[in-house]
N, C-alpha and C. Protein backbone atom coordinates (compact mmCIF):
# COMPACT_ATOMS: atom_id res chain seq x y z
N UNK A 1 5.60 -7.62 7.51
CA UNK A 1 5.46 -7.51 6.07
C UNK A 1 6.84 -7.28 5.47
N UNK A 2 7.25 -8.08 4.52
CA UNK A 2 8.57 -7.95 3.93
C UNK A 2 8.54 -6.94 2.80
N UNK A 3 9.68 -6.28 2.59
CA UNK A 3 9.76 -5.30 1.53
C UNK A 3 10.01 -6.01 0.20
N UNK A 4 9.53 -5.42 -0.89
CA UNK A 4 9.72 -6.07 -2.19
C UNK A 4 11.20 -6.09 -2.58
N UNK A 5 11.63 -7.19 -3.14
CA UNK A 5 13.01 -7.32 -3.58
C UNK A 5 13.11 -6.91 -5.04
N UNK A 6 14.32 -6.87 -5.55
CA UNK A 6 14.51 -6.52 -6.95
C UNK A 6 13.89 -7.59 -7.85
N UNK A 7 13.87 -8.83 -7.39
CA UNK A 7 13.24 -9.90 -8.17
C UNK A 7 11.73 -9.65 -8.24
N UNK A 8 11.13 -9.28 -7.09
CA UNK A 8 9.70 -8.96 -7.08
C UNK A 8 9.41 -7.81 -8.05
N UNK A 9 10.27 -6.80 -8.00
CA UNK A 9 10.10 -5.63 -8.87
C UNK A 9 10.18 -6.04 -10.34
N UNK A 10 11.15 -6.89 -10.66
CA UNK A 10 11.32 -7.36 -12.03
C UNK A 10 10.10 -8.17 -12.48
N UNK A 11 9.60 -9.04 -11.61
CA UNK A 11 8.42 -9.84 -11.95
C UNK A 11 7.20 -8.96 -12.17
N UNK A 12 7.06 -7.91 -11.35
CA UNK A 12 5.94 -6.98 -11.52
C UNK A 12 6.04 -6.26 -12.87
N UNK A 13 7.24 -5.84 -13.23
CA UNK A 13 7.43 -5.16 -14.51
C UNK A 13 7.08 -6.09 -15.67
N UNK A 14 7.50 -7.36 -15.57
CA UNK A 14 7.20 -8.32 -16.63
C UNK A 14 5.70 -8.57 -16.72
N UNK A 15 5.03 -8.66 -15.58
CA UNK A 15 3.58 -8.88 -15.57
C UNK A 15 2.85 -7.69 -16.19
N UNK A 16 3.28 -6.48 -15.86
CA UNK A 16 2.66 -5.29 -16.45
C UNK A 16 2.88 -5.25 -17.96
N UNK A 17 4.11 -5.60 -18.39
CA UNK A 17 4.41 -5.61 -19.82
C UNK A 17 3.53 -6.63 -20.54
N UNK A 18 3.37 -7.81 -19.94
CA UNK A 18 2.53 -8.86 -20.52
C UNK A 18 1.08 -8.39 -20.61
N UNK A 19 0.60 -7.74 -19.56
CA UNK A 19 -0.77 -7.22 -19.56
C UNK A 19 -0.95 -6.19 -20.67
N UNK A 20 0.02 -5.30 -20.84
CA UNK A 20 -0.07 -4.29 -21.89
C UNK A 20 -0.07 -4.93 -23.27
N UNK A 21 0.76 -5.96 -23.47
CA UNK A 21 0.79 -6.63 -24.76
C UNK A 21 -0.54 -7.31 -25.05
N UNK A 22 -1.14 -7.92 -24.02
CA UNK A 22 -2.44 -8.55 -24.21
C UNK A 22 -3.51 -7.51 -24.54
N UNK A 23 -3.44 -6.35 -23.89
CA UNK A 23 -4.41 -5.29 -24.15
C UNK A 23 -4.25 -4.77 -25.59
N UNK A 24 -3.00 -4.60 -26.03
CA UNK A 24 -2.77 -4.12 -27.39
C UNK A 24 -3.35 -5.10 -28.41
N UNK A 25 -3.10 -6.39 -28.20
CA UNK A 25 -3.65 -7.41 -29.10
C UNK A 25 -5.17 -7.39 -29.09
N UNK A 26 -5.75 -7.20 -27.91
CA UNK A 26 -7.19 -7.18 -27.77
C UNK A 26 -7.81 -5.99 -28.50
N UNK A 27 -7.14 -4.85 -28.42
CA UNK A 27 -7.69 -3.61 -28.98
C UNK A 27 -7.48 -3.46 -30.48
N UNK A 28 -6.59 -4.23 -31.08
CA UNK A 28 -6.25 -4.04 -32.48
C UNK A 28 -7.46 -4.15 -33.40
N UNK A 29 -8.40 -5.00 -33.12
CA UNK A 29 -9.54 -5.23 -34.00
C UNK A 29 -10.85 -4.65 -33.46
N UNK A 30 -10.79 -3.71 -32.53
CA UNK A 30 -12.00 -3.12 -31.94
C UNK A 30 -12.32 -1.78 -32.59
N UNK A 31 -13.60 -1.40 -32.53
CA UNK A 31 -13.99 -0.08 -33.02
C UNK A 31 -13.68 0.96 -31.95
N UNK A 32 -13.75 2.25 -32.33
CA UNK A 32 -13.46 3.32 -31.37
C UNK A 32 -14.42 3.30 -30.19
N UNK A 33 -15.70 3.08 -30.43
CA UNK A 33 -16.68 3.05 -29.34
C UNK A 33 -16.42 1.87 -28.40
N UNK A 34 -16.11 0.75 -28.98
CA UNK A 34 -15.78 -0.42 -28.17
C UNK A 34 -14.54 -0.19 -27.33
N UNK A 35 -13.55 0.49 -27.94
CA UNK A 35 -12.32 0.80 -27.21
C UNK A 35 -12.58 1.71 -26.03
N UNK A 36 -13.42 2.72 -26.23
CA UNK A 36 -13.72 3.66 -25.15
C UNK A 36 -14.33 2.93 -23.96
N UNK A 37 -15.24 2.01 -24.23
CA UNK A 37 -15.86 1.26 -23.14
C UNK A 37 -14.87 0.37 -22.41
N UNK A 38 -14.04 -0.32 -23.18
CA UNK A 38 -13.06 -1.23 -22.57
C UNK A 38 -12.01 -0.43 -21.81
N UNK A 39 -11.55 0.68 -22.37
CA UNK A 39 -10.57 1.52 -21.69
C UNK A 39 -11.16 2.07 -20.40
N UNK A 40 -12.43 2.49 -20.47
CA UNK A 40 -13.10 2.98 -19.26
C UNK A 40 -13.14 1.92 -18.18
N UNK A 41 -13.43 0.68 -18.57
CA UNK A 41 -13.47 -0.43 -17.61
C UNK A 41 -12.08 -0.65 -17.01
N UNK A 42 -11.06 -0.65 -17.85
CA UNK A 42 -9.69 -0.85 -17.38
C UNK A 42 -9.27 0.27 -16.43
N UNK A 43 -9.63 1.51 -16.77
CA UNK A 43 -9.29 2.64 -15.91
C UNK A 43 -9.97 2.50 -14.55
N UNK A 44 -11.22 2.04 -14.55
CA UNK A 44 -11.94 1.85 -13.28
C UNK A 44 -11.24 0.79 -12.44
N UNK A 45 -10.82 -0.30 -13.06
CA UNK A 45 -10.11 -1.36 -12.33
C UNK A 45 -8.80 -0.83 -11.75
N UNK A 46 -8.06 -0.06 -12.55
CA UNK A 46 -6.78 0.49 -12.08
C UNK A 46 -7.02 1.46 -10.92
N UNK A 47 -8.06 2.29 -11.02
CA UNK A 47 -8.37 3.23 -9.94
C UNK A 47 -8.74 2.47 -8.68
N UNK A 48 -9.49 1.39 -8.82
CA UNK A 48 -9.85 0.57 -7.65
C UNK A 48 -8.59 0.02 -6.99
N UNK A 49 -7.62 -0.42 -7.81
CA UNK A 49 -6.35 -0.93 -7.27
C UNK A 49 -5.60 0.18 -6.53
N UNK A 50 -5.56 1.36 -7.12
CA UNK A 50 -4.85 2.48 -6.49
C UNK A 50 -5.52 2.85 -5.17
N UNK A 51 -6.85 2.90 -5.17
CA UNK A 51 -7.57 3.24 -3.94
C UNK A 51 -7.28 2.20 -2.86
N UNK A 52 -7.27 0.92 -3.23
CA UNK A 52 -7.01 -0.12 -2.22
C UNK A 52 -5.59 0.02 -1.66
N UNK A 53 -4.63 0.43 -2.47
CA UNK A 53 -3.26 0.64 -1.99
C UNK A 53 -3.24 1.78 -0.97
N UNK A 54 -3.92 2.90 -1.29
CA UNK A 54 -3.95 4.02 -0.37
C UNK A 54 -4.68 3.68 0.92
N UNK A 55 -5.76 2.93 0.83
CA UNK A 55 -6.49 2.52 2.04
C UNK A 55 -5.60 1.64 2.91
N UNK A 56 -4.90 0.70 2.30
CA UNK A 56 -4.00 -0.16 3.05
C UNK A 56 -2.86 0.62 3.69
N UNK A 57 -2.30 1.58 2.96
CA UNK A 57 -1.23 2.41 3.51
C UNK A 57 -1.74 3.24 4.69
N UNK A 58 -2.95 3.76 4.56
CA UNK A 58 -3.53 4.56 5.63
C UNK A 58 -3.75 3.70 6.88
N UNK A 59 -4.25 2.49 6.69
CA UNK A 59 -4.44 1.56 7.82
C UNK A 59 -3.11 1.27 8.51
N UNK A 60 -2.09 1.02 7.71
CA UNK A 60 -0.77 0.74 8.26
C UNK A 60 -0.24 1.94 9.03
N UNK A 61 -0.41 3.13 8.47
CA UNK A 61 0.05 4.35 9.12
C UNK A 61 -0.64 4.52 10.48
N UNK A 62 -1.96 4.29 10.51
CA UNK A 62 -2.71 4.43 11.77
C UNK A 62 -2.23 3.43 12.80
N UNK A 63 -1.97 2.19 12.37
CA UNK A 63 -1.53 1.18 13.33
C UNK A 63 -0.14 1.50 13.86
N UNK A 64 0.73 2.03 13.01
CA UNK A 64 2.08 2.40 13.46
C UNK A 64 2.01 3.54 14.46
N UNK A 65 1.18 4.55 14.17
CA UNK A 65 1.02 5.67 15.09
C UNK A 65 0.46 5.19 16.43
N UNK A 66 -0.54 4.32 16.39
CA UNK A 66 -1.12 3.79 17.62
C UNK A 66 -0.08 3.02 18.43
N UNK A 67 0.76 2.26 17.75
CA UNK A 67 1.80 1.50 18.43
C UNK A 67 2.82 2.43 19.08
N UNK A 68 3.21 3.49 18.37
CA UNK A 68 4.17 4.44 18.91
C UNK A 68 3.59 5.14 20.14
N UNK A 69 2.35 5.60 20.03
CA UNK A 69 1.71 6.29 21.15
C UNK A 69 1.57 5.36 22.34
N UNK A 70 1.17 4.11 22.10
CA UNK A 70 1.06 3.13 23.18
C UNK A 70 2.38 2.91 23.87
N UNK A 71 3.44 2.83 23.11
CA UNK A 71 4.78 2.64 23.67
C UNK A 71 5.20 3.85 24.48
N UNK A 72 4.83 5.05 24.01
CA UNK A 72 5.19 6.27 24.74
C UNK A 72 4.51 6.28 26.11
N UNK A 73 3.25 5.87 26.19
CA UNK A 73 2.55 5.85 27.46
C UNK A 73 3.17 4.85 28.42
N UNK A 74 3.56 3.71 27.91
CA UNK A 74 4.20 2.69 28.76
C UNK A 74 5.52 3.23 29.29
N UNK A 75 6.31 3.86 28.40
CA UNK A 75 7.60 4.42 28.82
C UNK A 75 7.40 5.53 29.85
N UNK A 76 6.37 6.36 29.65
CA UNK A 76 6.09 7.44 30.60
C UNK A 76 5.70 6.86 31.95
N UNK A 77 4.89 5.81 31.95
CA UNK A 77 4.47 5.19 33.21
C UNK A 77 5.67 4.58 33.92
N UNK A 78 6.55 3.92 33.19
CA UNK A 78 7.75 3.34 33.81
C UNK A 78 8.65 4.42 34.39
N UNK A 79 8.76 5.54 33.68
CA UNK A 79 9.57 6.65 34.18
C UNK A 79 8.99 7.20 35.47
N UNK A 80 7.67 7.45 35.47
CA UNK A 80 7.04 7.99 36.67
C UNK A 80 7.09 7.01 37.84
N UNK A 81 7.06 5.74 37.55
CA UNK A 81 7.16 4.71 38.58
C UNK A 81 8.57 4.68 39.19
N UNK A 82 9.58 4.90 38.38
CA UNK A 82 10.97 4.85 38.85
C UNK A 82 11.43 6.16 39.47
N UNK A 83 10.78 7.26 39.14
CA UNK A 83 11.20 8.58 39.62
C UNK A 83 11.20 8.68 41.15
N UNK A 84 10.15 8.24 41.86
CA UNK A 84 10.21 8.35 43.33
C UNK A 84 11.34 7.54 43.93
N UNK A 85 11.61 6.37 43.37
CA UNK A 85 12.72 5.56 43.88
C UNK A 85 14.05 6.29 43.70
N UNK A 86 14.20 6.98 42.59
CA UNK A 86 15.42 7.73 42.34
C UNK A 86 15.54 8.89 43.30
N UNK A 87 14.43 9.62 43.50
CA UNK A 87 14.46 10.79 44.37
C UNK A 87 14.68 10.40 45.84
N UNK A 88 14.17 9.26 46.26
CA UNK A 88 14.33 8.82 47.64
C UNK A 88 15.72 8.23 47.89
N UNK A 89 16.39 7.79 46.87
CA UNK A 89 17.70 7.16 47.04
C UNK A 89 18.80 8.14 47.32
């Protein structure tokens, strides 16, 4: 997985700004009750996005830990395999 570049960051900022401008235009002619419903929907969507980011990060963290632990066991086995040869030499 590649890390985001400054161009990616800039594009994300522009997309967020565009989304905010569209939301402002959409809300200009709405009543307060209508706004509350739409804002609630938007907040739910944003929370879903945040939750998916945390779930993905947690999955990645678990896979990295599993990979490190697996590598440690392999290294320990190689060490124990080579130790008798060293002691006998």
